[in-house]
Amino acid sequence: MFPPDLPPITNKPLYVYRVLAKWFSFFYFGLSTIILITLVFPIMCLFFHPRERFKKYGRRLVSSSMGFFVSLMHFLGIVDMETDDRENFRNLSSKIIVANHPSLLDVVMLLSLIPNADCIVNAHLKRNIIVREVIRRLYIPGSPDFEDILRSCTESLNQGNCLIIFPEGTRTPRSGNVVVKRGAARIALVSNCNIVPVHIGGTDKYGLGKKDPWTGFNPRERYVYNINMGAEIKSEKFRNLNLSMPKAVRVLTREIADSIFPKGNYA
């Protein structure tokens, strides 16, 4: 049932409770999202104009909702979020947030901390009936045309929003090298915005990781998210190296990878 690097279950009733509490949490998440898109957002559209003003307050509402969701999971005894940088996250503006991606809840944690966060959403989620309206109204949908994404990201950053990017493009695998994509570096160099690396650590996230079963949970303890902000990476430094754009992107991507992954653990 468990990967070989995890210990066995020591308290089976508690383990079953945590799995059921996780299922309930995701049921609540889906239900509250449906309420937002069918009731709350249509009412907000009547009062917040133009569209960018609606997006601003819509994102703040989503951030508060995510914060409540994290608090609910904490109350249920399945998730703890720990960070020493809460106020620093709230005060970020026009920054590109790059983070590792060990679990399904990473974006929830970051959105709860950053009230003006924008993000690029996987294109396949546009077909998800629960979240597609939130994506369409508030965030940047994925597209096969990267130039289109680049324009949307630059526009959002210029408006003072922060952009959350997981450079892997998917959740971090339990083993093997991480493949770091170059999109975040390219966006930073084109938009001339700085990068804030964030490392998400804590306890093992089994049950929320890539290809983990829904019946899984950490066999010994709750999920703990240690979220730490690293030193800001200045994009201007890489623009002034007299390198071609492709080479500057590669060098900056290496800097990003070094800041959020163990050295030598990425490709």
Protein backbone atom coordinates (compact mmCIF):
# COMPACT_ATOMS: atom_id res chain seq x y z
CA MET A 1 0.00 0.00 0.00
CA PHE A 2 2.74 2.46 0.97
CA PRO A 3 5.97 3.34 -0.82
CA PRO A 4 8.98 1.63 0.78
CA ASP A 5 10.29 4.92 2.21
CA LEU A 6 7.23 5.35 4.46
CA PRO A 7 6.75 3.71 7.88
CA PRO A 8 3.75 1.46 8.63
CA ILE A 9 0.52 2.74 10.19
CA THR A 10 0.67 2.80 13.99
CA ASN A 11 -2.88 3.97 14.78
CA LYS A 12 -5.39 2.54 12.30
CA PRO A 13 -8.55 4.27 13.65
CA LEU A 14 -6.79 7.66 13.53
CA TYR A 15 -5.54 6.90 10.03
CA VAL A 16 -9.07 6.08 8.83
CA TYR A 17 -10.36 9.29 10.43
CA ARG A 18 -7.75 11.37 8.62
CA VAL A 19 -8.58 9.80 5.26
CA LEU A 20 -12.30 10.49 5.81
CA ALA A 21 -11.54 14.04 6.96
CA LYS A 22 -9.51 14.57 3.79
CA TRP A 23 -12.44 13.37 1.66
CA PHE A 24 -14.82 15.66 3.55
CA SER A 25 -12.44 18.61 3.03
CA PHE A 26 -12.39 18.10 -0.72
CA PHE A 27 -16.18 17.72 -0.77
CA TYR A 28 -16.41 21.06 1.05
CA PHE A 29 -13.95 22.60 -1.43
CA GLY A 30 -16.05 21.49 -4.40
CA LEU A 31 -19.31 22.63 -2.82
CA SER A 32 -17.96 26.07 -1.85
CA THR A 33 -16.52 26.54 -5.35
CA ILE A 34 -19.94 25.83 -6.87
CA ILE A 35 -21.50 28.41 -4.52
CA LEU A 36 -18.90 30.99 -5.55
CA ILE A 37 -19.45 30.56 -9.28
CA THR A 38 -23.25 30.24 -9.21
CA LEU A 39 -24.15 32.78 -6.54
CA VAL A 40 -21.34 35.00 -5.28
CA PHE A 41 -19.50 35.88 -8.49
CA PRO A 42 -22.66 36.80 -10.47
CA ILE A 43 -23.68 39.20 -7.68
CA MET A 44 -20.16 40.68 -7.58
CA CYS A 45 -20.30 41.25 -11.34
CA LEU A 46 -23.22 43.63 -10.77
CA PHE A 47 -21.20 45.89 -8.45
CA PHE A 48 -17.56 45.66 -9.49
CA HIS A 49 -16.69 47.28 -12.83
CA PRO A 50 -14.67 47.23 -14.99
CA ARG A 51 -13.49 43.63 -15.35
CA GLU A 52 -10.08 44.28 -13.75
CA ARG A 53 -11.74 45.66 -10.62
CA PHE A 54 -13.88 42.52 -10.41
CA LYS A 55 -10.74 40.39 -10.77
CA LYS A 56 -8.99 42.30 -7.98
CA TYR A 57 -11.76 41.73 -5.45
CA GLY A 58 -12.55 38.27 -6.77
CA ARG A 59 -8.97 37.16 -6.12
CA ARG A 60 -9.10 38.60 -2.62
CA LEU A 61 -12.29 36.67 -1.97
CA VAL A 62 -10.69 33.47 -3.27
CA SER A 63 -7.65 34.11 -1.04
CA SER A 64 -9.90 34.50 2.03
CA SER A 65 -11.84 31.37 1.03
CA MET A 66 -8.61 29.41 0.73
CA GLY A 67 -7.54 30.69 4.14
CA PHE A 68 -10.81 29.45 5.62
CA PHE A 69 -10.33 26.09 3.88
CA VAL A 70 -6.85 25.75 5.41
CA SER A 71 -8.31 26.66 8.82
CA LEU A 72 -11.02 24.01 8.38
CA MET A 73 -8.44 21.32 7.64
CA HIS A 74 -6.45 22.47 10.66
CA PHE A 75 -9.59 22.24 12.82
CA LEU A 76 -10.19 18.71 11.53
CA GLY A 77 -6.65 17.80 12.58
CA ILE A 78 -5.25 16.91 9.17
CA VAL A 79 -3.24 19.98 8.04
CA ASP A 80 -0.96 22.54 9.68
CA MET A 81 0.52 25.45 7.75
CA GLU A 82 3.62 27.07 9.22
CA THR A 83 5.41 30.15 7.89
CA ASP A 84 7.45 32.99 9.34
CA ASP A 85 6.77 35.16 6.28
CA ARG A 86 3.01 35.69 6.43
CA GLU A 87 3.15 39.51 6.33
CA ASN A 88 5.87 39.45 3.67
CA PHE A 89 3.62 37.31 1.47
CA ARG A 90 0.68 39.69 1.94
CA ASN A 91 2.79 42.69 0.91
CA LEU A 92 4.19 41.25 -2.33
CA SER A 93 3.45 43.14 -5.53
CA SER A 94 4.43 42.47 -9.17
CA LYS A 95 6.53 39.45 -8.22
CA ILE A 96 6.82 36.03 -9.81
CA ILE A 97 6.44 33.38 -7.10
CA VAL A 98 8.22 30.13 -8.02
CA ALA A 99 7.74 27.12 -5.77
CA ASN A 100 8.25 23.39 -5.63
CA HIS A 101 5.07 21.35 -5.93
CA PRO A 102 4.97 18.31 -3.61
CA SER A 103 1.19 18.09 -3.22
CA LEU A 104 -2.29 18.90 -4.43
CA LEU A 105 -2.72 21.63 -1.80
CA ASP A 106 0.33 23.77 -2.65
CA VAL A 107 -1.60 26.32 -4.71
CA VAL A 108 -4.25 26.49 -1.97
CA MET A 109 -1.58 27.41 0.59
CA LEU A 110 -0.01 30.07 -1.62
CA LEU A 111 -3.34 31.61 -2.65
CA SER A 112 -4.35 31.84 1.02
CA LEU A 113 -1.14 33.77 1.78
CA ILE A 114 -1.09 36.09 -1.27
CA PRO A 115 -4.33 38.09 -1.71
CA ASN A 116 -3.35 39.49 -5.13
CA ALA A 117 -2.13 36.23 -6.64
CA ASP A 118 -2.65 35.31 -10.27
CA CYS A 119 -1.64 31.97 -11.76
CA ILE A 120 -1.48 29.99 -14.98
CA VAL A 121 -3.94 27.12 -14.84
CA ASN A 122 -3.52 23.85 -16.72
CA ALA A 123 -5.54 23.89 -19.93
CA HIS A 124 -7.34 20.62 -19.11
CA LEU A 125 -8.95 22.25 -16.04
CA LYS A 126 -10.95 24.47 -18.42
CA ARG A 127 -13.07 21.36 -19.00
CA ASN A 128 -13.67 20.85 -15.25
CA ILE A 129 -17.26 21.98 -14.59
CA ILE A 130 -16.46 22.93 -10.97
CA VAL A 131 -13.48 25.25 -11.46
CA ARG A 132 -13.61 26.39 -15.09
CA GLU A 133 -15.72 29.50 -14.36
CA VAL A 134 -13.30 30.60 -11.63
CA ILE A 135 -10.42 30.14 -14.07
CA ARG A 136 -12.18 32.01 -16.86
CA ARG A 137 -13.10 34.97 -14.66
CA LEU A 138 -9.99 35.36 -12.50
CA TYR A 139 -6.89 33.56 -13.73
CA ILE A 140 -4.78 32.86 -16.82
CA PRO A 141 -5.83 29.68 -18.66
CA GLY A 142 -3.11 27.53 -20.18
CA SER A 143 -2.66 27.72 -23.93
CA PRO A 144 -0.51 26.00 -26.55
CA ASP A 145 0.53 29.51 -27.67
CA PHE A 146 3.15 30.56 -25.11
CA GLU A 147 3.34 34.07 -26.57
CA ASP A 148 -0.31 34.54 -25.63
CA ILE A 149 0.41 33.36 -22.08
CA LEU A 150 3.45 35.65 -21.96
CA ARG A 151 1.34 38.68 -22.86
CA SER A 152 -1.31 37.82 -20.27
CA CYS A 153 1.30 37.29 -17.54
CA THR A 154 3.12 40.54 -18.31
CA GLU A 155 -0.15 42.48 -18.25
CA SER A 156 -1.14 40.96 -14.90
CA LEU A 157 2.27 41.67 -13.35
CA ASN A 158 2.17 45.27 -14.60
CA GLN A 159 -1.13 45.69 -12.76
CA GLY A 160 0.59 44.82 -9.46
CA ASN A 161 -0.51 41.20 -9.22
CA CYS A 162 1.81 38.38 -8.22
CA LEU A 163 2.14 35.36 -10.48
CA ILE A 164 2.40 31.87 -8.96
CA ILE A 165 4.36 29.39 -11.08
CA PHE A 166 5.41 25.82 -10.35
CA PRO A 167 8.46 25.45 -12.65
CA GLU A 168 8.02 21.67 -12.84
CA GLY A 169 4.62 22.08 -14.48
CA THR A 170 3.32 19.16 -12.42
CA ARG A 171 3.60 17.79 -8.90
CA THR A 172 7.06 16.79 -7.71
CA PRO A 173 7.62 13.03 -8.08
CA ARG A 174 8.57 11.03 -5.00
CA SER A 175 11.82 9.90 -6.61
CA GLY A 176 14.05 10.76 -9.55
CA ASN A 177 15.21 14.09 -10.92
CA VAL A 178 12.87 17.02 -11.25
CA VAL A 179 12.59 18.55 -14.72
CA VAL A 180 12.54 22.35 -14.38
CA LYS A 181 10.86 24.18 -17.24
CA ARG A 182 11.98 27.58 -18.49
CA GLY A 183 8.67 29.45 -18.63
CA ALA A 184 9.13 31.32 -15.32
CA ALA A 185 12.56 32.59 -16.36
CA ARG A 186 11.29 33.75 -19.73
CA ILE A 187 8.35 35.58 -18.18
CA ALA A 188 10.67 37.29 -15.68
CA LEU A 189 13.07 38.49 -18.37
CA VAL A 190 10.32 39.76 -20.69
CA SER A 191 8.28 41.46 -17.94
CA ASN A 192 11.39 42.70 -16.06
CA CYS A 193 9.81 41.51 -12.79
CA ASN A 194 11.76 39.88 -9.98
CA ILE A 195 11.37 36.30 -8.77
CA VAL A 196 10.58 35.24 -5.21
CA PRO A 197 11.50 31.57 -4.62
CA VAL A 198 9.37 29.65 -2.12
CA HIS A 199 10.17 26.24 -0.70
CA ILE A 200 7.31 24.04 0.52
CA GLY A 201 8.52 21.48 3.02
CA GLY A 202 7.17 19.74 6.10
CA THR A 203 5.92 16.21 6.61
CA ASP A 204 5.43 13.65 3.84
CA LYS A 205 2.43 14.46 1.64
CA TYR A 206 1.53 10.88 0.72
CA GLY A 207 -2.10 10.84 -0.45
CA LEU A 208 -1.77 14.28 -2.06
CA GLY A 209 1.23 13.63 -4.29
CA LYS A 210 1.53 12.68 -7.91
CA LYS A 211 -0.20 9.35 -8.64
CA ASP A 212 -0.95 8.76 -4.94
CA PRO A 213 -4.21 6.90 -4.16
CA TRP A 214 -7.13 8.88 -2.75
CA THR A 215 -7.24 6.39 0.13
CA GLY A 216 -3.70 7.37 1.14
CA PHE A 217 -2.53 9.60 3.96
CA ASN A 218 0.68 10.12 5.89
CA PRO A 219 0.80 6.90 7.99
CA ARG A 220 2.07 8.57 11.17
CA GLU A 221 1.04 12.23 11.33
CA ARG A 222 -0.96 15.08 9.84
CA TYR A 223 0.22 17.05 6.80
CA VAL A 224 2.49 19.90 7.88
CA TYR A 225 3.34 22.61 5.35
CA ASN A 226 6.48 24.62 6.13
CA ILE A 227 6.40 27.49 3.63
CA ASN A 228 9.56 29.59 3.49
CA MET A 229 10.38 32.55 1.27
CA GLY A 230 13.89 32.69 -0.19
CA ALA A 231 16.03 35.62 -1.28
CA GLU A 232 14.57 37.60 -4.18
CA ILE A 233 16.16 36.96 -7.57
CA LYS A 234 16.65 40.14 -9.60
CA SER A 235 15.75 39.62 -13.24
CA GLU A 236 17.70 42.73 -14.24
CA LYS A 237 20.93 40.99 -13.26
CA PHE A 238 20.38 38.39 -15.97
CA ARG A 239 19.27 40.97 -18.54
CA ASN A 240 22.61 42.76 -18.08
CA LEU A 241 24.85 39.73 -18.70
CA ASN A 242 25.11 40.44 -22.43
CA LEU A 243 23.69 36.99 -23.17
CA SER A 244 21.25 36.02 -25.87
CA MET A 245 17.68 35.59 -24.60
CA PRO A 246 17.77 31.75 -24.81
CA LYS A 247 21.02 31.58 -22.84
CA ALA A 248 19.87 34.13 -20.25
CA VAL A 249 16.71 32.03 -19.79
CA ARG A 250 18.81 28.90 -19.19
CA VAL A 251 21.05 30.63 -16.66
CA LEU A 252 18.09 32.12 -14.77
CA THR A 253 16.29 28.78 -14.80
CA ARG A 254 19.34 27.21 -13.15
CA GLU A 255 19.26 29.93 -10.48
CA ILE A 256 15.56 29.25 -9.85
CA ALA A 257 16.16 25.51 -9.58
CA ASP A 258 19.03 25.99 -7.12
CA SER A 259 16.81 28.12 -4.90
CA ILE A 260 13.91 25.66 -4.48
CA PHE A 261 15.36 22.18 -5.10
CA PRO A 262 18.33 20.31 -3.61
CA LYS A 263 21.31 20.83 -5.90
CA GLY A 264 21.77 17.99 -8.31
CA ASN A 265 18.16 16.84 -7.88
CA TYR A 266 16.86 18.45 -11.06
CA ALA A 267 17.47 18.31 -14.78
